[in-house]
Amino acid sequence: MPIFENLSGRLTSSLRKISGRTSLSETNIRDTLRQVRIALIEADVSLSVVKEIVEQIKDRALGQEVKNSLTPGQQFLKIVQAELTTLMGSKNEALNLSVQPPAVILIAGLQGAGKTTTAAKLAKLLIERDKKKVMLVSADVYRPAAIKQLEILSSEVNAKFFESKNTQKPEKIVQAAMQDAKKSFVDVLIVDTAGRLHVDSEMMSELSRIQFSCEPIETLFVLDAMTGQDASNTAAEFSRQLSLTGIILTKADGDARGGAALTVKKISGKPIKFLGVGEKIDDLESFHPERIASRILGMGDMLGLIEEAERKVDKHKAQKLASKFIRGKTFDLEDLRDQLHQMRDMGGMSGMIEKLPGFGNMPNVTQQSNAINQFARMEVIIDSMTPAERRNPDILNGSRKRRITRGSGTTIQDLNRLVKQYKQMGKMMKRMKGRDMGNMMRGLVAKHTPPKGGY
């Protein structure tokens, strides 16, 4: 995504030089860390945080875990990935909804951060992913248009909407909404609040009164990633004055430098729980630090790709891929073709490219106007293969390659590039087997397998 594009480019180019080394010295580690430091500073990460993470990487890189490794260059890359992950929070912090319904989620933030749209996106995610009955209410009495906007969005995401008026006090609106939510057996009540252009005592006092009146189980601060390092400082200020439980980082699809995502957890002490990755109503992702770190380093995010496919595309094909993975069968070129075809059909090709291992370090890939054409070419090449070749590309010899490229109107270089990319993806999936992906795949199969006797 654009928020990490420049950082990813700088880091992957510098780390690529060291990752293949069979031995590391203090000199080449120091040179690489200097490039890492520059990349983080250019990404608008605060100097204190940059100094801390670079020192931690250096200490580990000069320690026994690298010296005793058979592949020290790769071990160094793992250390960088681990430290980036820790910086962003180590693991996904899920919403806590374990209270007597309705569980109240309070949405706060500055004006223009995208609170109202984010409230609707969160409602859609809870309705579709978690099968919750959700109600939305606006406590923004200063902008009548905000109330109407939330009403329209509520209808779009199939959530209940509690009507409010700009003549009412915000805390009274919320109390009335809670009563209605109880009567309607709503699972989650999401409260949208007013924003300001900057943090002020009047706004914080109002938010404190609302929070006291509804005792939310989650108070989420919506933060605009475009504001860079200032975003982290704003979150820290809110956290000092309000009982925040987490952060939603919006506009991650914009031309930001990534500093907010990398430092807001460290500076505010609150985890990023969700990431807004686009303007569409379903462009909200759970924030997984380990996956983001992987994407920053150009290593892709196959778990995220499968989750998005499960949410947005053909459920039966997702189940087929999951079943194959569980049985220990290889991810083949037919599977890759299915994924490419579905990404193209749903119009989200550029947003998913970076989740494919090996594609994240392509320079400005999401900005390239011919990105979709490149993937279409890959599809044509696979279509020109026989079923046996798609299942086992290792049988591709010179004559087979010439036949395929003639039939697809491509070059041997195009075909070799495709096979190389496919093998990188296969290695990534093997590496993840038995970890989180295995559990996810089993969940997918269980989710889409009809019970005995049918539904």
Protein backbone atom coordinates (compact mmCIF):
# COMPACT_ATOMS: atom_id res chain seq x y z
CA MET A 1 0.00 0.00 0.00
CA PRO A 2 1.24 3.52 -0.69
CA ILE A 3 1.73 4.24 3.03
CA PHE A 4 4.68 1.81 3.07
CA GLU A 5 5.77 2.07 -0.56
CA ASN A 6 8.82 4.31 -0.14
CA LEU A 7 9.90 2.65 3.09
CA SER A 8 9.55 -0.79 1.54
CA GLY A 9 11.58 0.22 -1.50
CA ARG A 10 14.44 1.61 0.59
CA LEU A 11 14.53 -1.29 3.05
CA THR A 12 14.27 -4.10 0.52
CA SER A 13 17.01 -2.66 -1.70
CA SER A 14 19.43 -2.34 1.24
CA LEU A 15 18.52 -5.66 2.85
CA ARG A 16 18.70 -7.54 -0.45
CA LYS A 17 22.46 -6.96 -0.50
CA ILE A 18 22.99 -8.57 2.88
CA SER A 19 20.33 -11.32 2.91
CA GLY A 20 22.29 -13.59 0.56
CA ARG A 21 25.58 -13.39 2.44
CA THR A 22 27.01 -16.53 4.01
CA SER A 23 28.97 -14.50 6.58
CA LEU A 24 28.44 -11.10 8.16
CA SER A 25 30.95 -8.67 9.57
CA GLU A 26 30.47 -5.69 11.83
CA THR A 27 31.29 -3.47 8.85
CA ASN A 28 28.57 -4.72 6.49
CA ILE A 29 26.06 -4.87 9.35
CA ARG A 30 26.88 -1.23 10.19
CA ASP A 31 26.53 -0.17 6.53
CA THR A 32 23.16 -1.90 6.23
CA LEU A 33 21.90 -0.43 9.49
CA ARG A 34 22.82 3.03 8.23
CA GLN A 35 20.49 2.45 5.26
CA VAL A 36 17.79 1.13 7.60
CA ARG A 37 18.16 4.26 9.76
CA ILE A 38 17.83 6.55 6.73
CA ALA A 39 14.77 4.65 5.46
CA LEU A 40 13.00 4.93 8.82
CA ILE A 41 13.79 8.63 9.19
CA GLU A 42 12.49 9.31 5.67
CA ALA A 43 9.32 7.39 6.62
CA ASP A 44 8.76 10.04 9.32
CA VAL A 45 9.58 7.78 12.24
CA SER A 46 10.70 9.79 15.28
CA LEU A 47 14.45 9.94 15.91
CA SER A 48 14.17 8.39 19.38
CA VAL A 49 12.29 5.39 18.01
CA VAL A 50 14.71 5.02 15.08
CA LYS A 51 17.68 5.03 17.47
CA GLU A 52 16.07 2.41 19.70
CA ILE A 53 15.10 -0.04 16.96
CA VAL A 54 18.44 0.25 15.15
CA GLU A 55 20.32 -0.45 18.41
CA GLN A 56 18.13 -3.50 19.06
CA ILE A 57 18.74 -4.85 15.55
CA LYS A 58 22.49 -4.23 15.92
CA ASP A 59 22.69 -6.00 19.31
CA ARG A 60 20.89 -9.06 17.97
CA ALA A 61 22.77 -9.06 14.64
CA LEU A 62 26.13 -9.13 16.42
CA GLY A 63 24.94 -11.84 18.79
CA GLN A 64 25.01 -15.61 18.69
CA GLU A 65 21.74 -16.14 16.78
CA VAL A 66 23.38 -14.73 13.62
CA LYS A 67 26.88 -16.10 14.21
CA ASN A 68 25.56 -19.64 14.75
CA SER A 69 23.18 -19.53 11.79
CA LEU A 70 23.96 -21.43 8.58
CA THR A 71 22.34 -18.53 6.68
CA PRO A 72 23.35 -15.39 8.60
CA GLY A 73 22.06 -13.04 5.90
CA GLN A 74 18.58 -14.54 6.11
CA GLN A 75 18.78 -14.53 9.90
CA PHE A 76 19.55 -10.80 9.81
CA LEU A 77 16.46 -10.24 7.67
CA LYS A 78 14.36 -12.18 10.20
CA ILE A 79 15.71 -9.97 12.99
CA VAL A 80 14.67 -6.81 11.13
CA GLN A 81 11.23 -8.29 10.51
CA ALA A 82 10.88 -9.27 14.18
CA GLU A 83 11.90 -5.83 15.45
CA LEU A 84 9.50 -4.05 13.06
CA THR A 85 6.75 -6.38 14.25
CA THR A 86 7.50 -5.66 17.91
CA LEU A 87 7.57 -1.92 17.22
CA MET A 88 4.04 -2.09 15.79
CA GLY A 89 2.66 -4.23 18.60
CA SER A 90 3.78 -7.87 18.10
CA LYS A 91 0.31 -9.28 17.37
CA ASN A 92 -3.21 -8.34 16.37
CA GLU A 93 -5.25 -6.87 19.21
CA ALA A 94 -8.83 -7.97 18.57
CA LEU A 95 -11.88 -6.09 19.78
CA ASN A 96 -13.09 -7.04 23.23
CA LEU A 97 -16.84 -7.60 22.97
CA SER A 98 -17.19 -9.95 25.95
CA VAL A 99 -19.78 -7.96 27.89
CA GLN A 100 -23.52 -8.11 28.36
CA PRO A 101 -25.00 -6.82 25.07
CA PRO A 102 -24.98 -4.27 23.75
CA ALA A 103 -21.20 -3.89 23.68
CA VAL A 104 -20.57 -0.18 23.13
CA ILE A 105 -17.77 0.98 20.81
CA LEU A 106 -17.00 4.71 21.01
CA ILE A 107 -15.38 6.27 17.95
CA ALA A 108 -13.29 9.42 18.57
CA GLY A 109 -10.86 11.52 16.57
CA LEU A 110 -10.07 14.82 14.94
CA GLN A 111 -12.20 16.38 12.22
CA GLY A 112 -11.48 14.96 8.78
CA ALA A 113 -9.91 11.71 10.01
CA GLY A 114 -12.82 9.69 8.60
CA LYS A 115 -14.69 8.77 11.79
CA THR A 116 -18.19 8.47 10.30
CA THR A 117 -17.12 6.33 7.35
CA THR A 118 -14.93 4.23 9.63
CA ALA A 119 -17.85 3.62 12.02
CA ALA A 120 -19.88 2.23 9.09
CA LYS A 121 -16.93 0.15 7.83
CA LEU A 122 -16.52 -1.35 11.30
CA ALA A 123 -20.23 -2.12 11.45
CA LYS A 124 -20.06 -3.93 8.10
CA LEU A 125 -17.07 -5.97 9.24
CA LEU A 126 -18.78 -7.00 12.49
CA ILE A 127 -22.01 -7.88 10.66
CA GLU A 128 -20.39 -9.95 7.91
CA ARG A 129 -17.37 -11.45 9.65
CA ASP A 130 -18.61 -11.87 13.21
CA LYS A 131 -22.36 -12.19 12.47
CA LYS A 132 -23.20 -9.44 14.97
CA LYS A 133 -26.38 -7.38 15.07
CA VAL A 134 -25.08 -3.80 14.98
CA MET A 135 -26.64 -0.40 15.64
CA LEU A 136 -25.07 2.95 14.70
CA VAL A 137 -25.76 6.29 16.35
CA SER A 138 -24.33 9.77 15.75
CA ALA A 139 -23.53 12.03 18.71
CA ASP A 140 -22.16 14.71 16.39
CA VAL A 141 -24.75 17.44 17.02
CA TYR A 142 -22.63 20.15 15.40
CA ARG A 143 -22.90 18.84 11.84
CA PRO A 144 -26.44 17.81 10.82
CA ALA A 145 -24.93 16.39 7.63
CA ALA A 146 -22.92 13.93 9.76
CA ILE A 147 -26.11 12.44 11.21
CA LYS A 148 -27.63 12.07 7.74
CA GLN A 149 -24.41 10.60 6.37
CA LEU A 150 -24.36 7.93 9.08
CA GLU A 151 -28.02 7.12 8.45
CA ILE A 152 -27.31 6.53 4.75
CA LEU A 153 -24.23 4.43 5.51
CA SER A 154 -26.16 2.38 8.08
CA SER A 155 -28.65 1.39 5.40
CA GLU A 156 -25.80 0.51 3.04
CA VAL A 157 -24.15 -1.89 5.51
CA ASN A 158 -27.45 -3.34 6.84
CA ALA A 159 -27.00 -1.94 10.35
CA LYS A 160 -29.74 -0.49 12.52
CA PHE A 161 -29.68 3.29 12.88
CA PHE A 162 -30.77 5.24 15.94
CA GLU A 163 -32.07 8.66 14.98
CA SER A 164 -30.66 11.71 16.73
CA LYS A 165 -31.15 15.47 16.42
CA ASN A 166 -28.71 18.34 16.68
CA THR A 167 -30.85 19.88 19.44
CA GLN A 168 -30.05 17.03 21.83
CA LYS A 169 -27.10 16.69 24.20
CA PRO A 170 -24.60 14.06 22.96
CA GLU A 171 -24.61 12.04 26.20
CA LYS A 172 -28.44 11.95 26.21
CA ILE A 173 -28.43 10.66 22.62
CA VAL A 174 -26.09 7.84 23.58
CA GLN A 175 -28.10 6.86 26.66
CA ALA A 176 -31.30 6.71 24.58
CA ALA A 177 -29.52 4.65 21.91
CA MET A 178 -28.35 2.18 24.55
CA GLN A 179 -31.89 1.67 25.79
CA ASP A 180 -33.14 1.11 22.26
CA ALA A 181 -30.27 -1.27 21.52
CA LYS A 182 -31.21 -3.39 24.54
CA LYS A 183 -34.86 -3.54 23.48
CA SER A 184 -33.82 -4.50 19.94
CA PHE A 185 -31.40 -7.22 21.15
CA VAL A 186 -28.46 -5.50 19.42
CA ASP A 187 -25.02 -7.05 19.98
CA VAL A 188 -22.90 -3.98 19.30
CA LEU A 189 -23.68 -0.27 19.49
CA ILE A 190 -21.19 1.94 17.62
CA VAL A 191 -21.19 5.61 18.68
CA ASP A 192 -19.85 8.22 16.24
CA THR A 193 -18.74 11.48 17.89
CA ALA A 194 -17.91 15.04 16.87
CA GLY A 195 -14.39 16.04 15.95
CA ARG A 196 -12.37 19.24 16.04
CA LEU A 197 -9.52 20.57 13.94
CA HIS A 198 -7.22 20.09 16.94
CA VAL A 199 -7.32 18.77 20.51
CA ASP A 200 -9.12 21.23 22.81
CA SER A 201 -10.52 21.14 26.32
CA GLU A 202 -14.16 21.52 25.17
CA MET A 203 -13.96 18.48 22.90
CA MET A 204 -12.19 16.35 25.50
CA SER A 205 -14.75 17.33 28.14
CA GLU A 206 -17.62 16.30 25.85
CA LEU A 207 -15.96 12.98 24.99
CA SER A 208 -15.35 12.31 28.67
CA ARG A 209 -19.04 12.89 29.43
CA ILE A 210 -20.10 10.58 26.60
CA GLN A 211 -17.65 7.92 27.75
CA PHE A 212 -18.91 8.17 31.32
CA SER A 213 -22.55 7.93 30.18
CA CYS A 214 -22.17 4.73 28.11
CA GLU A 215 -19.10 2.98 29.62
CA PRO A 216 -17.84 1.66 26.27
CA ILE A 217 -15.98 -1.62 26.20
CA GLU A 218 -13.88 -0.16 23.36
CA THR A 219 -12.91 3.47 22.74
CA LEU A 220 -11.17 3.66 19.38
CA PHE A 221 -9.24 6.68 18.19
CA VAL A 222 -9.48 7.24 14.42
CA LEU A 223 -6.17 8.56 13.11
CA ASP A 224 -5.32 9.95 9.67
CA ALA A 225 -2.12 8.25 8.45
CA MET A 226 -1.46 11.21 6.16
CA THR A 227 -0.55 13.39 9.15
CA GLY A 228 2.61 11.33 9.73
CA GLN A 229 4.53 11.69 13.00
CA ASP A 230 2.04 14.31 14.23
CA ALA A 231 -0.59 11.55 14.22
CA SER A 232 1.29 9.61 16.89
CA ASN A 233 1.61 12.69 19.08
CA THR A 234 -2.13 13.42 18.72
CA ALA A 235 -2.96 9.86 19.69
CA ALA A 236 -0.71 10.15 22.74
CA GLU A 237 -2.50 13.36 23.78
CA PHE A 238 -5.91 11.71 23.43
CA SER A 239 -4.68 8.70 25.36
CA ARG A 240 -3.60 10.90 28.26
CA GLN A 241 -7.03 12.50 28.53
CA LEU A 242 -9.34 9.66 27.46
CA SER A 243 -9.42 5.94 28.23
CA LEU A 244 -8.51 4.68 24.76
CA THR A 245 -8.37 0.96 24.02
CA GLY A 246 -7.04 1.11 20.47
CA ILE A 247 -6.48 2.99 17.23
CA ILE A 248 -7.90 2.78 13.72
CA LEU A 249 -5.43 4.14 11.18
CA THR A 250 -7.22 5.54 8.12
CA LYS A 251 -6.15 6.65 4.63
CA ALA A 252 -3.39 4.06 4.42
CA ASP A 253 -4.03 4.05 0.67
CA GLY A 254 -2.89 7.68 0.47
CA ASP A 255 0.58 9.05 -0.19
CA ALA A 256 1.80 8.76 3.39
CA ARG A 257 5.26 7.75 4.58
CA GLY A 258 4.34 5.09 7.13
CA GLY A 259 5.67 6.80 10.25
CA ALA A 260 2.30 6.77 12.02
CA ALA A 261 1.83 3.01 11.62
CA LEU A 262 5.36 2.32 12.82
CA THR A 263 5.39 4.58 15.86
CA VAL A 264 1.85 5.18 17.16
CA LYS A 265 1.90 2.06 19.36
CA LYS A 266 5.27 3.03 20.85
CA ILE A 267 4.34 6.68 21.47
CA SER A 268 0.70 6.33 22.56
CA GLY A 269 0.91 2.95 24.23
CA LYS A 270 -2.27 1.90 22.38
CA PRO A 271 -2.43 -0.80 19.70
CA ILE A 272 -3.56 -0.25 16.13
CA LYS A 273 -6.58 -2.54 15.77
CA PHE A 274 -7.69 -1.73 12.23
CA LEU A 275 -6.29 -0.22 9.05
CA GLY A 276 -8.41 1.72 6.56
CA VAL A 277 -7.03 0.80 3.13
CA GLY A 278 -9.42 2.51 0.71
CA GLU A 279 -12.61 4.47 0.19
CA LYS A 280 -14.91 1.48 -0.34
CA ILE A 281 -17.15 0.48 2.54
CA ASP A 282 -15.37 -2.87 2.95
CA ASP A 283 -11.86 -1.40 2.87
CA LEU A 284 -11.10 -2.02 6.54
CA GLU A 285 -8.58 -4.65 7.63
CA SER A 286 -7.64 -6.03 11.02
CA PHE A 287 -4.12 -4.80 11.80
CA HIS A 288 -1.59 -7.64 12.06
CA PRO A 289 1.90 -6.23 12.84
CA GLU A 290 3.69 -9.38 11.69
CA ARG A 291 1.95 -9.28 8.31
CA ILE A 292 2.58 -5.56 7.84
CA ALA A 293 6.26 -6.08 8.62
CA SER A 294 6.35 -8.85 6.04
CA ARG A 295 4.77 -6.59 3.43
CA ILE A 296 7.17 -3.73 4.23
CA LEU A 297 10.09 -6.09 3.58
CA GLY A 298 8.61 -7.26 0.27
CA MET A 299 7.81 -10.74 1.61
CA GLY A 300 4.09 -10.56 0.92
CA ASP A 301 1.12 -11.44 3.10
CA MET A 302 -0.45 -14.71 2.00
CA LEU A 303 -2.63 -14.90 5.11
CA GLY A 304 -4.03 -11.46 4.36
CA LEU A 305 -4.53 -12.37 0.72
CA ILE A 306 -6.51 -15.49 1.60
CA GLU A 307 -8.60 -13.59 4.16
CA GLU A 308 -9.45 -10.96 1.56
CA ALA A 309 -10.26 -13.62 -1.03
CA GLU A 310 -12.48 -15.41 1.49
CA ARG A 311 -14.29 -12.14 2.20
CA LYS A 312 -14.64 -10.78 -1.31
CA VAL A 313 -14.47 -13.53 -3.91
CA ASP A 314 -15.70 -17.00 -4.76
CA LYS A 315 -16.19 -18.93 -1.50
CA HIS A 316 -16.05 -22.33 -3.19
CA LYS A 317 -12.66 -21.64 -4.73
CA ALA A 318 -11.39 -20.41 -1.37
CA GLN A 319 -12.57 -23.68 0.17
CA LYS A 320 -10.93 -25.69 -2.62
CA LEU A 321 -7.58 -23.98 -1.98
CA ALA A 322 -7.98 -24.48 1.77
CA SER A 323 -8.76 -28.20 1.39
CA LYS A 324 -5.78 -28.68 -0.88
CA PHE A 325 -3.47 -26.97 1.60
CA ILE A 326 -4.69 -29.10 4.53
CA ARG A 327 -4.16 -32.31 2.56
CA GLY A 328 -0.58 -31.25 1.98
CA LYS A 329 -0.96 -30.78 -1.77
CA THR A 330 1.11 -28.21 -3.59
CA PHE A 331 -0.17 -24.77 -4.53
CA ASP A 332 -0.03 -25.03 -8.34
CA LEU A 333 -0.34 -22.70 -11.31
CA GLU A 334 -4.05 -23.41 -11.67
CA ASP A 335 -4.52 -22.06 -8.13
CA LEU A 336 -2.45 -19.01 -9.03
CA ARG A 337 -4.54 -18.46 -12.17
CA ASP A 338 -7.76 -18.65 -10.15
CA GLN A 339 -6.46 -16.05 -7.69
CA LEU A 340 -5.33 -13.71 -10.48
CA HIS A 341 -8.64 -14.08 -12.31
CA GLN A 342 -10.69 -13.32 -9.22
CA MET A 343 -8.54 -10.34 -8.23
CA ARG A 344 -9.01 -8.89 -11.70
CA ASP A 345 -12.75 -9.49 -11.69
CA MET A 346 -13.27 -7.78 -8.35
CA GLY A 347 -11.29 -4.73 -9.43
CA GLY A 348 -8.84 -4.87 -6.53
CA MET A 349 -5.73 -5.99 -8.35
CA SER A 350 -3.44 -3.13 -7.38
CA GLY A 351 -4.47 -3.30 -3.72
CA MET A 352 -3.64 -7.00 -3.50
CA ILE A 353 -0.40 -7.10 -5.50
CA GLU A 354 1.78 -6.28 -2.50
CA LYS A 355 0.36 -9.25 -0.56
CA LEU A 356 1.93 -11.64 -3.06
CA PRO A 357 5.42 -12.70 -1.90
CA GLY A 358 8.08 -11.14 -4.11
CA PHE A 359 5.86 -8.43 -5.53
CA GLY A 360 6.11 -6.08 -2.57
CA ASN A 361 9.60 -4.99 -3.56
CA MET A 362 8.68 -4.07 -7.13
CA PRO A 363 9.27 -0.30 -7.34
CA ASN A 364 6.03 1.70 -7.29
CA VAL A 365 4.12 -1.38 -8.40
CA THR A 366 0.72 -0.08 -7.33
CA GLN A 367 1.30 3.11 -9.28
CA GLN A 368 2.27 1.44 -12.51
CA SER A 369 -0.42 1.86 -15.13
CA ASN A 370 0.48 -1.47 -16.72
CA ALA A 371 0.27 -3.54 -13.51
CA ILE A 372 -3.03 -5.16 -14.51
CA ASN A 373 -1.64 -5.91 -17.98
CA GLN A 374 1.29 -7.71 -16.39
CA PHE A 375 -1.04 -9.97 -14.46
CA ALA A 376 -3.22 -10.52 -17.53
CA ARG A 377 -0.07 -11.69 -19.34
CA MET A 378 0.56 -14.17 -16.53
CA GLU A 379 -2.96 -15.54 -16.96
CA VAL A 380 -2.46 -15.94 -20.71
CA ILE A 381 0.79 -17.84 -20.16
CA ILE A 382 -0.86 -20.24 -17.71
CA ASP A 383 -3.81 -20.71 -20.08
CA SER A 384 -1.35 -21.77 -22.80
CA MET A 385 -0.03 -24.63 -20.66
CA THR A 386 -1.38 -28.16 -20.53
CA PRO A 387 -3.06 -29.30 -17.26
CA ALA A 388 0.02 -31.38 -16.48
CA GLU A 389 2.29 -28.37 -16.92
CA ARG A 390 0.12 -26.23 -14.69
CA ARG A 391 0.20 -28.87 -11.98
CA ASN A 392 3.97 -29.39 -12.26
CA PRO A 393 5.97 -26.58 -13.89
CA ASP A 394 9.19 -28.53 -13.28
CA ILE A 395 8.50 -30.52 -16.47
CA LEU A 396 8.85 -27.35 -18.58
CA ASN A 397 11.78 -27.96 -20.94
CA GLY A 398 12.96 -25.86 -23.86
CA SER A 399 10.43 -27.15 -26.42
CA ARG A 400 7.51 -26.84 -24.01
CA LYS A 401 8.51 -23.29 -23.16
CA ARG A 402 8.73 -22.33 -26.84
CA ARG A 403 5.27 -23.78 -27.48
CA ILE A 404 3.76 -21.93 -24.51
CA THR A 405 5.31 -18.57 -25.42
CA ARG A 406 4.24 -18.89 -29.06
CA GLY A 407 0.70 -19.71 -27.98
CA SER A 408 0.54 -16.84 -25.50
CA GLY A 409 2.39 -14.25 -27.55
CA THR A 410 4.95 -13.75 -24.79
CA THR A 411 8.68 -14.30 -24.31
CA ILE A 412 10.77 -16.94 -22.58
CA GLN A 413 11.75 -14.23 -20.07
CA ASP A 414 8.04 -13.66 -19.26
CA LEU A 415 7.56 -17.39 -18.69
CA ASN A 416 10.67 -17.75 -16.54
CA ARG A 417 9.60 -14.75 -14.45
CA LEU A 418 6.20 -16.35 -13.86
CA VAL A 419 7.71 -19.67 -12.80
CA LYS A 420 10.14 -17.91 -10.45
CA GLN A 421 7.29 -15.97 -8.84
CA TYR A 422 5.22 -19.15 -8.48
CA LYS A 423 8.09 -20.92 -6.72
CA GLN A 424 8.55 -18.02 -4.31
CA MET A 425 4.87 -18.25 -3.39
CA GLY A 426 5.16 -22.01 -2.92
CA LYS A 427 8.10 -21.58 -0.54
CA MET A 428 6.21 -18.95 1.45
CA MET A 429 3.17 -21.23 1.85
CA LYS A 430 5.33 -24.19 2.91
CA ARG A 431 7.01 -21.99 5.50
CA MET A 432 3.66 -20.99 6.97
CA LYS A 433 2.18 -24.46 6.96
CA GLY A 434 1.41 -25.71 10.45
CA ARG A 435 1.28 -22.18 11.84
CA ASP A 436 -1.51 -19.61 11.57
CA MET A 437 -2.31 -20.54 7.99
CA GLY A 438 -3.10 -24.13 8.89
CA ASN A 439 -5.66 -23.06 11.46
CA MET A 440 -7.16 -20.51 9.08
CA MET A 441 -7.50 -23.09 6.32
CA ARG A 442 -9.27 -25.50 8.62
CA GLY A 443 -11.62 -22.69 9.61
CA LEU A 444 -12.38 -21.96 5.97
CA VAL A 445 -13.21 -25.59 5.24
CA ALA A 446 -15.43 -25.88 8.32
CA LYS A 447 -17.15 -22.63 7.45
CA HIS A 448 -18.11 -23.65 3.93
CA THR A 449 -18.68 -27.38 4.36
CA PRO A 450 -22.42 -28.20 4.62
CA PRO A 451 -23.47 -30.28 7.63
CA LYS A 452 -24.58 -33.85 7.10
CA GLY A 453 -27.99 -33.90 5.50
CA GLY A 454 -27.44 -30.45 3.95
CA TYR A 455 -28.38 -27.05 5.19
